[in-house]
Protein backbone atom coordinates (compact mmCIF):
# COMPACT_ATOMS: atom_id res chain seq x y z
CA MET A 1 -30.91 21.93 35.51
CA ASN A 2 -34.59 22.60 36.20
CA ILE A 3 -35.73 26.17 35.58
CA TYR A 4 -38.94 27.45 37.17
CA CYS A 5 -40.28 30.71 35.74
CA ILE A 6 -43.38 31.50 37.75
CA LYS A 7 -45.80 34.27 36.79
CA HIS A 8 -43.46 36.01 34.36
CA LYS A 9 -42.49 35.90 30.68
CA TYR A 10 -38.70 36.17 31.00
CA ILE A 11 -37.96 32.51 30.27
CA TYR A 12 -35.45 33.13 27.48
CA GLU A 13 -33.62 35.78 29.52
CA THR A 14 -33.49 33.48 32.56
CA GLU A 15 -32.00 30.67 30.48
CA LYS A 16 -29.39 33.06 29.08
CA LEU A 17 -28.42 34.13 32.59
CA LEU A 18 -28.05 30.52 33.66
CA MET A 19 -25.87 29.78 30.63
CA LEU A 20 -23.26 32.21 31.98
CA PHE A 21 -22.56 29.63 34.67
CA PHE A 22 -23.57 26.39 32.90
CA PRO A 23 -22.88 26.85 29.16
CA LEU A 24 -23.19 23.15 28.29
CA GLU A 25 -26.02 22.26 30.68
CA LYS A 26 -29.30 21.05 29.20
CA ASN A 27 -32.07 23.00 30.88
CA ASN A 28 -35.57 21.80 31.61
CA VAL A 29 -38.10 24.62 31.83
CA CYS A 30 -40.91 23.71 34.23
CA GLU A 31 -44.26 25.46 34.74
CA GLU A 32 -44.96 24.16 38.25
CA PHE A 33 -42.52 24.01 41.13
CA HIS A 34 -41.78 20.60 42.65
CA SER A 35 -39.25 20.46 45.46
CA ASP A 36 -36.70 17.72 44.91
CA ASN A 37 -33.05 16.98 45.53
CA GLY A 38 -31.89 18.12 42.10
CA ASN A 39 -30.33 21.39 41.02
CA TYR A 40 -32.80 24.12 40.11
CA PHE A 41 -33.17 27.85 39.53
CA TYR A 42 -36.49 29.37 40.57
CA THR A 43 -37.71 32.88 39.74
CA GLU A 44 -41.10 34.47 40.40
CA ILE A 45 -42.82 37.83 40.00
CA GLU A 46 -45.92 38.58 42.07
CA GLU A 47 -47.77 41.77 41.07
CA THR A 48 -50.52 43.83 42.66
CA ASP A 49 -51.72 47.35 41.88
CA GLU A 50 -49.40 48.79 44.53
CA LYS A 51 -46.28 46.62 44.53
CA ILE A 52 -44.20 44.02 42.68
CA THR A 53 -42.48 41.19 44.57
CA PHE A 54 -39.46 39.49 43.00
CA LYS A 55 -38.26 36.10 44.28
CA ALA A 56 -35.26 33.98 43.34
CA ILE A 57 -34.06 30.61 44.66
CA PHE A 58 -31.00 28.70 43.51
CA SER A 59 -30.35 25.16 44.69
CA TYR A 60 -27.05 23.60 43.66
CA GLU A 61 -25.19 20.54 44.91
CA GLY A 62 -27.21 20.36 48.11
CA LYS A 63 -26.96 24.06 48.98
CA THR A 64 -29.77 26.56 48.58
CA LEU A 65 -29.81 30.35 48.55
CA SER A 66 -32.82 32.62 48.14
CA ASP A 67 -33.60 36.31 48.00
CA GLU A 68 -36.57 38.60 47.61
CA LYS A 69 -37.22 42.28 46.97
CA ILE A 70 -40.35 44.38 46.87
CA LEU A 71 -40.75 47.52 44.76
CA LEU A 72 -43.63 49.91 44.42
CA THR A 73 -45.28 49.46 41.03
CA ASP A 74 -44.61 53.03 39.93
CA GLN A 75 -40.91 52.69 40.89
CA CYS A 76 -40.21 49.62 38.77
CA ALA A 77 -39.09 50.62 35.26
CA ASP A 78 -37.47 47.32 34.22
CA LYS A 79 -38.93 44.11 35.63
CA GLU A 80 -36.58 41.92 33.61
CA TYR A 81 -33.49 43.58 35.10
CA GLU A 82 -34.88 43.55 38.64
CA LEU A 83 -35.57 39.82 38.39
CA LEU A 84 -32.23 38.81 36.86
CA SER A 85 -30.16 41.07 39.12
CA LEU A 86 -31.83 39.35 42.08
CA GLY A 87 -30.93 35.87 40.85
CA TYR A 88 -27.42 36.64 39.58
CA PRO A 89 -25.73 36.98 43.02
CA LEU A 90 -27.19 33.62 44.07
CA LEU A 91 -25.69 31.91 41.03
CA ARG A 92 -22.38 33.68 41.53
CA THR A 93 -22.15 32.72 45.21
CA LEU A 94 -22.98 29.02 44.93
CA CYS A 95 -21.01 28.48 41.71
CA GLY A 96 -17.97 30.16 43.27
CA PHE A 97 -16.96 32.50 40.44
CA SER A 98 -17.91 35.79 38.84
CA PRO A 99 -18.25 35.97 35.02
CA GLU A 100 -15.95 38.70 33.74
CA TRP A 101 -18.81 40.33 31.83
CA GLY A 102 -21.03 40.11 34.89
CA MET A 103 -24.66 39.42 34.03
CA LEU A 104 -24.38 40.85 30.51
CA THR A 105 -25.72 38.33 28.01
CA GLY A 106 -26.07 40.50 24.91
CA VAL A 107 -24.09 40.22 21.68
CA ARG A 108 -23.04 43.89 21.56
CA PRO A 109 -21.52 45.20 24.81
CA SER A 110 -19.61 47.92 22.95
CA LYS A 111 -22.84 49.26 21.46
CA LEU A 112 -24.41 49.33 24.90
CA ILE A 113 -21.55 51.26 26.50
CA MET A 114 -21.31 53.58 23.47
CA ASN A 115 -24.96 54.55 23.79
CA LYS A 116 -24.52 55.24 27.49
CA MET A 117 -21.37 57.25 26.78
CA VAL A 118 -23.18 59.41 24.19
CA GLU A 119 -26.22 59.78 26.44
CA ALA A 120 -24.15 60.85 29.48
CA ASP A 121 -20.35 60.64 29.59
CA GLU A 122 -17.49 58.15 29.79
CA LYS A 123 -17.44 58.03 33.59
CA THR A 124 -21.17 57.31 33.78
CA ALA A 125 -20.86 54.63 31.11
CA LYS A 126 -18.12 52.83 33.07
CA GLU A 127 -20.07 52.99 36.30
CA TYR A 128 -23.14 51.66 34.50
CA PHE A 129 -21.26 48.57 33.35
CA ILE A 130 -19.60 47.89 36.68
CA ASN A 131 -22.43 48.71 39.09
CA HIS A 132 -25.49 47.87 37.00
CA PHE A 133 -24.26 44.73 35.20
CA PHE A 134 -21.43 43.66 37.57
CA ALA A 135 -18.87 43.59 34.73
CA ASN A 136 -15.26 43.76 35.88
CA GLU A 137 -12.95 46.71 35.29
CA GLU A 138 -10.92 45.04 32.54
CA LYS A 139 -13.87 44.07 30.33
CA THR A 140 -15.47 47.46 30.89
CA GLU A 141 -12.29 49.16 29.68
CA LEU A 142 -12.18 46.87 26.63
CA ALA A 143 -15.76 47.71 25.68
CA LEU A 144 -15.04 51.41 26.18
CA LYS A 145 -11.91 51.34 23.99
CA VAL A 146 -13.85 49.61 21.21
CA ALA A 147 -16.70 52.11 21.49
CA LYS A 148 -14.35 55.09 21.31
CA THR A 149 -12.76 53.69 18.13
CA GLU A 150 -16.13 52.91 16.55
CA LEU A 151 -17.90 56.18 17.32
CA PRO A 152 -16.14 58.47 14.76
CA ILE A 153 -16.70 55.88 12.00
CA ILE A 154 -20.38 55.53 12.91
CA GLU A 155 -20.87 59.29 13.06
CA ALA A 156 -19.25 59.73 9.63
CA SER A 157 -21.60 57.21 7.99
CA PRO A 158 -24.33 59.03 5.98
CA GLU A 159 -27.92 58.16 6.89
CA ASN A 160 -28.73 57.05 3.34
CA SER A 161 -25.65 54.82 3.01
CA PHE A 162 -25.64 51.05 2.97
CA SER A 163 -23.32 48.07 2.76
CA LEU A 164 -23.82 45.13 0.42
CA TYR A 165 -23.32 41.66 1.90
CA VAL A 166 -22.74 38.76 -0.50
CA SER A 167 -23.22 35.23 0.87
CA ILE A 168 -21.23 32.33 -0.60
CA PRO A 169 -22.30 29.26 1.46
CA PHE A 170 -19.64 26.84 0.21
CA CYS A 171 -16.40 25.60 1.79
CA PRO A 172 -13.68 23.05 0.94
CA THR A 173 -14.65 21.03 4.05
CA ARG A 174 -16.65 21.64 7.21
CA CYS A 175 -14.61 22.59 10.29
CA SER A 176 -15.51 20.74 13.48
CA TYR A 177 -16.56 23.92 15.32
CA CYS A 178 -18.69 25.28 12.44
CA SER A 179 -22.48 25.57 12.65
CA PHE A 180 -23.04 27.65 9.53
CA VAL A 181 -25.09 26.34 6.64
CA SER A 182 -22.41 25.54 4.08
CA HIS A 183 -21.72 22.85 1.52
CA SER A 184 -18.37 21.15 0.91
CA ILE A 185 -17.42 21.99 -2.68
CA GLY A 186 -16.18 18.47 -3.34
CA SER A 187 -19.63 16.92 -2.95
CA ASP A 188 -21.69 15.99 -6.00
CA THR A 189 -24.53 18.15 -4.67
CA ALA A 190 -22.35 21.24 -4.48
CA LYS A 191 -20.91 20.68 -7.94
CA LYS A 192 -24.42 20.74 -9.36
CA LEU A 193 -25.62 23.63 -7.21
CA ILE A 194 -22.76 26.09 -7.58
CA PRO A 195 -23.24 27.10 -11.26
CA GLN A 196 -27.00 27.56 -10.68
CA TYR A 197 -26.31 29.42 -7.46
CA VAL A 198 -23.94 31.86 -9.15
CA ASP A 199 -26.53 32.60 -11.86
CA LYS A 200 -29.31 33.27 -9.36
CA LEU A 201 -27.01 35.32 -7.17
CA CYS A 202 -26.21 37.61 -10.10
CA GLU A 203 -29.94 38.00 -10.74
CA GLU A 204 -30.55 38.91 -7.11
CA ILE A 205 -27.70 41.44 -7.24
CA ALA A 206 -29.40 43.22 -10.15
CA VAL A 207 -32.79 43.26 -8.40
CA THR A 208 -31.25 44.54 -5.16
CA ALA A 209 -29.35 47.29 -6.94
CA LYS A 210 -32.58 48.52 -8.51
CA LYS A 211 -34.24 48.74 -5.08
CA ALA A 212 -31.26 50.64 -3.69
CA GLU A 213 -31.41 53.14 -6.56
CA GLU A 214 -35.17 53.60 -6.23
CA ASN A 215 -34.73 54.55 -2.59
CA GLY A 216 -31.76 56.88 -3.01
CA LEU A 217 -29.31 54.64 -1.15
CA VAL A 218 -25.55 55.06 -1.52
CA LEU A 219 -23.22 52.03 -1.44
CA THR A 220 -20.15 52.57 0.74
CA ASN A 221 -18.94 49.03 1.53
CA VAL A 222 -19.11 45.57 -0.04
CA TYR A 223 -18.42 42.45 2.00
CA TRP A 224 -18.37 38.82 0.80
CA GLY A 225 -18.75 36.19 3.52
CA GLY A 226 -19.75 32.58 3.81
CA GLY A 227 -18.72 29.83 3.86
CA THR A 228 -15.58 30.64 1.95
CA PRO A 229 -16.14 32.86 -1.11
CA THR A 230 -12.87 31.78 -2.71
CA SER A 231 -14.20 28.21 -2.80
CA LEU A 232 -15.65 29.33 -6.14
CA GLU A 233 -13.56 29.06 -9.28
CA ALA A 234 -11.93 32.19 -10.67
CA PRO A 235 -14.43 32.58 -13.57
CA GLN A 236 -17.33 32.31 -11.10
CA LEU A 237 -15.79 34.98 -8.88
CA ASP A 238 -15.29 37.14 -11.94
CA LYS A 239 -18.95 36.72 -12.98
CA ILE A 240 -20.28 37.86 -9.58
CA LEU A 241 -17.80 40.73 -9.29
CA THR A 242 -18.80 41.91 -12.75
CA ALA A 243 -22.50 41.67 -11.86
CA ILE A 244 -21.89 43.94 -8.85
CA GLU A 245 -19.98 46.46 -10.98
CA ASP A 246 -22.67 46.45 -13.65
CA SER A 247 -25.52 46.81 -11.15
CA PHE A 248 -24.28 49.20 -8.46
CA ASP A 249 -22.70 52.63 -8.42
CA LEU A 250 -19.33 51.94 -6.76
CA SER A 251 -17.99 55.48 -7.12
CA VAL A 252 -18.04 56.15 -3.36
CA CYS A 253 -17.49 52.55 -2.24
CA GLY A 254 -14.26 52.81 -0.28
CA GLU A 255 -14.12 49.34 1.22
CA TYR A 256 -14.44 46.10 -0.75
CA THR A 257 -13.80 42.95 1.28
CA VAL A 258 -13.76 39.29 0.25
CA GLU A 259 -13.15 36.54 2.79
CA ALA A 260 -10.52 34.23 1.33
CA GLY A 261 -10.48 32.53 4.69
CA ARG A 262 -9.28 29.08 3.74
CA PRO A 263 -5.71 29.17 2.42
CA ASP A 264 -6.37 25.97 0.44
CA THR A 265 -8.86 27.89 -1.75
CA ILE A 266 -6.48 30.70 -2.67
CA THR A 267 -4.76 30.70 -6.06
CA GLU A 268 -2.80 33.32 -7.97
CA GLU A 269 -5.56 33.41 -10.58
CA LYS A 270 -8.30 34.08 -8.00
CA LEU A 271 -6.27 36.82 -6.33
CA GLY A 272 -5.73 38.37 -9.76
CA VAL A 273 -9.49 38.39 -10.39
CA LEU A 274 -10.17 40.05 -7.03
CA LYS A 275 -7.50 42.66 -7.65
CA LYS A 276 -8.82 43.38 -11.16
CA HIS A 277 -12.20 44.23 -9.66
CA ASN A 278 -10.73 46.55 -7.00
CA VAL A 279 -11.21 44.31 -3.98
CA ASN A 280 -8.99 45.98 -1.39
CA ARG A 281 -9.41 43.83 1.73
CA ILE A 282 -9.20 40.06 2.15
CA SER A 283 -9.10 37.58 5.01
CA ILE A 284 -6.64 34.71 5.16
CA ASN A 285 -7.61 32.84 8.30
CA PRO A 286 -5.18 30.38 9.88
CA GLN A 287 -7.36 29.83 13.02
CA THR A 288 -4.14 28.37 14.42
CA PHE A 289 -0.56 27.95 13.23
CA SER A 290 -0.37 24.41 14.66
CA ASP A 291 -0.63 21.62 12.09
CA ASP A 292 -1.84 19.16 14.71
CA VAL A 293 -4.67 21.45 15.80
CA LEU A 294 -5.60 22.15 12.16
CA LYS A 295 -5.96 18.42 11.66
CA ASN A 296 -8.11 18.15 14.80
CA ILE A 297 -10.60 20.71 13.54
CA GLY A 298 -10.90 19.28 10.03
CA ARG A 299 -8.80 21.76 8.10
CA CYS A 300 -7.03 20.37 5.05
CA HIS A 301 -4.20 22.87 4.91
CA SER A 302 -0.98 23.34 6.83
CA ALA A 303 0.26 26.35 8.75
CA GLY A 304 2.98 26.63 6.14
CA LEU A 305 0.39 26.96 3.38
CA THR A 306 -1.26 29.84 5.25
CA GLU A 307 2.03 31.72 5.31
CA GLU A 308 2.69 30.89 1.65
CA LYS A 309 -0.70 32.24 0.51
CA TYR A 310 -0.28 35.31 2.72
CA ILE A 311 3.01 36.13 0.99
CA LEU A 312 1.37 35.54 -2.39
CA ALA A 313 -1.42 37.99 -1.52
CA ARG A 314 1.16 40.61 -0.57
CA GLU A 315 2.92 40.08 -3.87
CA LYS A 316 -0.39 40.61 -5.68
CA GLY A 317 -0.75 43.99 -3.98
CA PHE A 318 -3.20 43.37 -1.12
CA ASP A 319 -2.44 45.92 1.60
CA PHE A 320 -5.30 45.08 4.00
CA ILE A 321 -5.25 41.48 5.21
CA ASN A 322 -7.15 40.07 8.19
CA MET A 323 -6.22 36.89 10.03
CA ASP A 324 -8.62 35.04 12.35
CA LEU A 325 -7.36 33.05 15.33
CA ILE A 326 -9.46 31.01 17.77
CA ALA A 327 -8.75 30.54 21.47
CA GLY A 328 -9.81 27.16 22.88
CA LEU A 329 -9.55 24.89 19.84
CA PRO A 330 -9.42 21.13 20.61
CA GLY A 331 -5.85 20.02 21.13
CA ASP A 332 -4.51 23.55 21.47
CA ASP A 333 -2.98 24.95 24.66
CA TYR A 334 -1.67 28.24 25.93
CA GLU A 335 1.81 27.78 24.44
CA GLY A 336 0.34 26.85 21.05
CA PHE A 337 -1.98 29.84 21.05
CA VAL A 338 0.90 32.15 21.97
CA LYS A 339 2.88 30.90 18.97
CA SER A 340 -0.09 31.52 16.69
CA ILE A 341 -0.62 35.09 17.87
CA ASP A 342 3.10 35.82 17.63
CA LYS A 343 3.20 34.41 14.09
CA ALA A 344 0.25 36.50 12.87
CA ILE A 345 1.89 39.63 14.30
CA SER A 346 5.28 38.81 12.76
CA LEU A 347 3.65 38.47 9.34
CA GLY A 348 2.29 42.00 9.73
CA ALA A 349 -1.43 41.43 9.17
CA GLU A 350 -3.28 44.75 9.37
CA ASN A 351 -6.20 43.11 11.18
CA ILE A 352 -6.10 40.19 13.62
CA THR A 353 -9.43 38.95 14.93
CA VAL A 354 -9.26 36.87 18.10
CA HIS A 355 -12.26 34.58 18.56
CA THR A 356 -13.26 32.45 21.51
CA LEU A 357 -14.43 28.97 20.58
CA ALA A 358 -18.22 28.73 20.73
CA LEU A 359 -19.74 25.29 21.20
CA LYS A 360 -22.63 25.47 18.76
CA ARG A 361 -25.22 22.72 19.05
CA SER A 362 -25.01 21.57 15.41
CA SER A 363 -21.21 21.60 15.17
CA THR A 364 -19.27 18.35 14.94
CA ILE A 365 -17.30 19.24 18.05
CA VAL A 366 -20.56 19.01 20.02
CA THR A 367 -22.52 16.34 18.13
CA GLU A 368 -19.59 13.94 18.26
CA ASN A 369 -18.86 14.74 21.91
CA GLU A 370 -15.47 16.27 21.24
CA SER A 371 -16.15 19.23 23.50
CA ASP A 372 -14.90 17.37 26.58
CA SER A 373 -11.38 17.69 25.20
CA VAL A 374 -11.63 21.49 25.14
CA ASN A 375 -9.81 23.15 28.03
CA SER A 376 -11.74 26.33 28.81
CA GLN A 377 -9.75 27.22 31.93
CA SER A 378 -6.76 28.59 30.01
CA ILE A 379 -8.81 30.76 27.64
CA ALA A 380 -8.72 33.80 29.92
CA LYS A 381 -4.93 33.51 29.94
CA MET A 382 -4.87 33.20 26.13
CA LEU A 383 -7.03 36.29 25.66
CA GLU A 384 -4.97 38.25 28.17
CA TYR A 385 -1.78 37.40 26.28
CA ALA A 386 -3.41 38.38 22.98
CA LYS A 387 -4.49 41.73 24.40
CA THR A 388 -1.05 42.44 25.86
CA VAL A 389 1.07 41.51 22.85
CA LEU A 390 -1.26 43.06 20.27
CA THR A 391 -1.32 46.32 22.23
CA GLU A 392 2.47 46.28 22.53
CA ASN A 393 2.71 45.89 18.75
CA GLY A 394 0.49 48.86 18.02
CA TYR A 395 -2.87 47.16 17.45
CA ILE A 396 -6.10 48.61 18.87
CA PRO A 397 -9.44 46.85 19.53
CA TYR A 398 -11.89 48.24 16.99
CA TYR A 399 -14.94 45.97 17.06
CA MET A 400 -16.28 43.26 19.30
CA TYR A 401 -19.14 40.82 19.66
CA ARG A 402 -20.13 37.89 21.81
CA GLN A 403 -21.60 34.53 20.88
CA SER A 404 -23.94 32.17 22.65
CA LYS A 405 -22.10 29.24 24.25
CA ALA A 406 -18.67 30.83 23.88
CA LEU A 407 -16.30 29.10 26.25
CA GLY A 408 -15.95 31.05 29.48
CA ASN A 409 -18.57 33.55 28.29
CA PHE A 410 -15.74 35.45 26.59
CA GLU A 411 -15.76 37.70 23.54
CA ASN A 412 -14.49 37.97 19.96
CA VAL A 413 -12.39 41.07 19.32
CA GLY A 414 -11.17 42.56 16.08
CA TRP A 415 -7.76 44.20 16.48
CA CYS A 416 -6.22 46.45 13.86
CA LYS A 417 -3.42 48.88 13.23
CA PRO A 418 -4.72 52.46 13.64
CA GLY A 419 -6.55 53.62 10.53
CA LYS A 420 -6.97 50.05 9.23
CA GLU A 421 -10.43 49.42 10.73
CA CYS A 422 -12.90 47.38 8.68
CA LYS A 423 -15.83 49.80 8.58
CA TYR A 424 -18.27 47.11 7.50
CA ASN A 425 -17.55 45.08 10.64
CA ILE A 426 -18.29 48.08 12.82
CA LEU A 427 -21.43 49.29 11.04
CA MET A 428 -22.86 45.79 10.62
CA MET A 429 -22.12 44.55 14.12
CA GLU A 430 -23.34 47.66 15.91
CA GLU A 431 -26.34 47.96 13.55
CA TYR A 432 -25.72 51.57 12.51
CA GLN A 433 -26.12 51.16 8.73
CA HIS A 434 -28.55 49.54 6.31
CA ILE A 435 -27.26 46.17 5.12
CA LEU A 436 -28.66 44.91 1.80
CA SER A 437 -27.83 41.21 1.58
CA VAL A 438 -27.83 38.74 -1.30
CA GLY A 439 -27.38 34.98 -1.36
CA ALA A 440 -28.55 31.99 0.65
CA GLY A 441 -28.73 32.49 4.40
CA SER A 442 -28.20 36.24 4.21
CA VAL A 443 -30.26 38.81 6.12
CA THR A 444 -31.09 42.31 4.94
CA LYS A 445 -31.27 44.85 7.80
CA LEU A 446 -33.08 48.17 7.36
CA LEU A 447 -32.81 50.83 10.06
CA SER A 448 -35.56 53.30 10.87
CA PRO A 449 -34.69 56.90 11.84
CA GLY A 450 -33.10 56.93 15.28
CA ILE A 451 -32.68 53.15 14.96
CA GLU A 452 -35.86 52.62 16.93
CA LYS A 453 -36.75 49.72 14.64
CA ILE A 454 -34.77 47.25 12.55
CA GLU A 455 -36.61 45.50 9.74
CA ARG A 456 -35.07 42.15 8.80
CA VAL A 457 -35.64 40.37 5.49
CA PHE A 458 -34.43 36.77 5.53
CA ASN A 459 -33.30 34.81 2.49
CA PHE A 460 -33.74 31.04 2.45
CA LYS A 461 -30.88 29.32 4.27
CA PHE A 462 -30.11 26.40 1.98
CA PRO A 463 -28.69 26.89 -1.54
CA PHE A 464 -31.08 24.37 -3.12
CA GLU A 465 -34.06 26.21 -1.60
CA TYR A 466 -32.60 29.57 -2.61
CA ILE A 467 -32.42 28.32 -6.22
CA SER A 468 -35.75 26.46 -6.39
CA ARG A 469 -37.73 29.26 -4.71
CA PHE A 470 -35.92 32.19 -6.25
CA ASP A 471 -39.20 33.84 -7.26
CA LYS A 472 -39.94 34.24 -3.53
CA ILE A 473 -36.52 35.85 -3.02
CA VAL A 474 -37.42 38.44 -5.64
CA GLU A 475 -40.82 39.03 -4.01
CA LYS A 476 -39.14 39.65 -0.65
CA LYS A 477 -37.15 42.51 -2.18
CA ASP A 478 -40.40 44.48 -2.34
CA LYS A 479 -40.12 44.79 1.43
CA ILE A 480 -37.24 47.22 0.86
CA ASN A 481 -39.49 49.66 -0.98
CA ALA A 482 -42.28 49.16 1.54
CA PHE A 483 -39.90 49.94 4.40
CA PHE A 484 -38.54 53.14 2.85
CA SER A 485 -42.01 54.26 1.86
CA GLU A 486 -42.93 54.14 5.55
CA TYR A 487 -39.50 55.53 6.48
CA ASN A 488 -40.01 58.62 4.29
CA LYS A 489 -43.45 59.27 5.78
CA ASN A 490 -41.82 59.70 9.17
């Protein structure tokens, strides 16, 4: 698809809009317009002192639609919106369908509707989604329900509080849909890197704790992600957990989560270590309860093993367990997805997160051209079933986000039993709390008063670079003090 962005800077936003209708299309951004017989999307902004003219043309499969609107310069508050809202109906008409989220392309629809709800009221917020962004009634209601669950938790979070994120970028194997930077623990490289990585991670934990103390920050949540944290051996987990206890004041830390996502990494010894250090939430992620689909996506465990390790975790005293499921996995279908959802509910998981498969460019499912086997047409039906049966069983949607190239432009939703919300997920996703992060690939996020600015401090992505350039990691921690020095001035 050729994209022509004439006399405006909204190239990225235009591409995102087009991806709502053509998620797998390779776009070619052109500076000069050349009429041809191919498909193209043309947008233009012509400005004078008195007026702004917006133009949009969409040519697709031999049919062409165009539109234009003129606004007085002093009446145009948002040129990006005016341009995209002109082009969106053309795309919708010629493509023959309406995306359920309308022209919304952002990651955080619940944050958007929450802000509008706080600024005005619930009715105004709903109308804003439906009339301004063309979202349908069902998705608007979903975003509103999530926002209403999140708001009390966000309001109760002290301004000087923070969550600690711990990155463990290692996994047993790489799943076919995965695009994260992670190493398979069986490789010779990983075997050499992991002990060094654990040592450096403990050093970074100590440095980070000192910065938090210097700036009067209070730790309320700890979250280990990856990768798969339980890919590490029990003594390595114990070493990191001890480093956190020795470095941070955990007296008001109410939520301590470790992703034990891959059942084939869970052992009784590892669960014992987590429990000894007061970890009170874990994830055991089946993704699907179909053995055939697990094999398709490169998982080395069975559905039966997932259930076995879930029961083991219950026996070890874990009362908050999350399970992830993915709609749209290769080889799965509606009936298979239904069985997976029903199984997770029957086990009694406190949290069930329903993801939509996202076709990330660097994932095996895309690089090896496996995406053609993915049936995206039934995903809406899968998500509708999940919503219905989870609601019937007492679960509520408590956080939500969207990913680029998610099949059908759908969403990922965390469902939980009332009172079992993962606060970290809410505060991190909606960006309402400082996040101090340690480990390769992690990102520290610091929020200015009123959240008018978010300062991000990026760690090196790859474990070998994290280890070899650790002195730079330590230097970057000075940005925390610099930020709060400026923060306190204001």
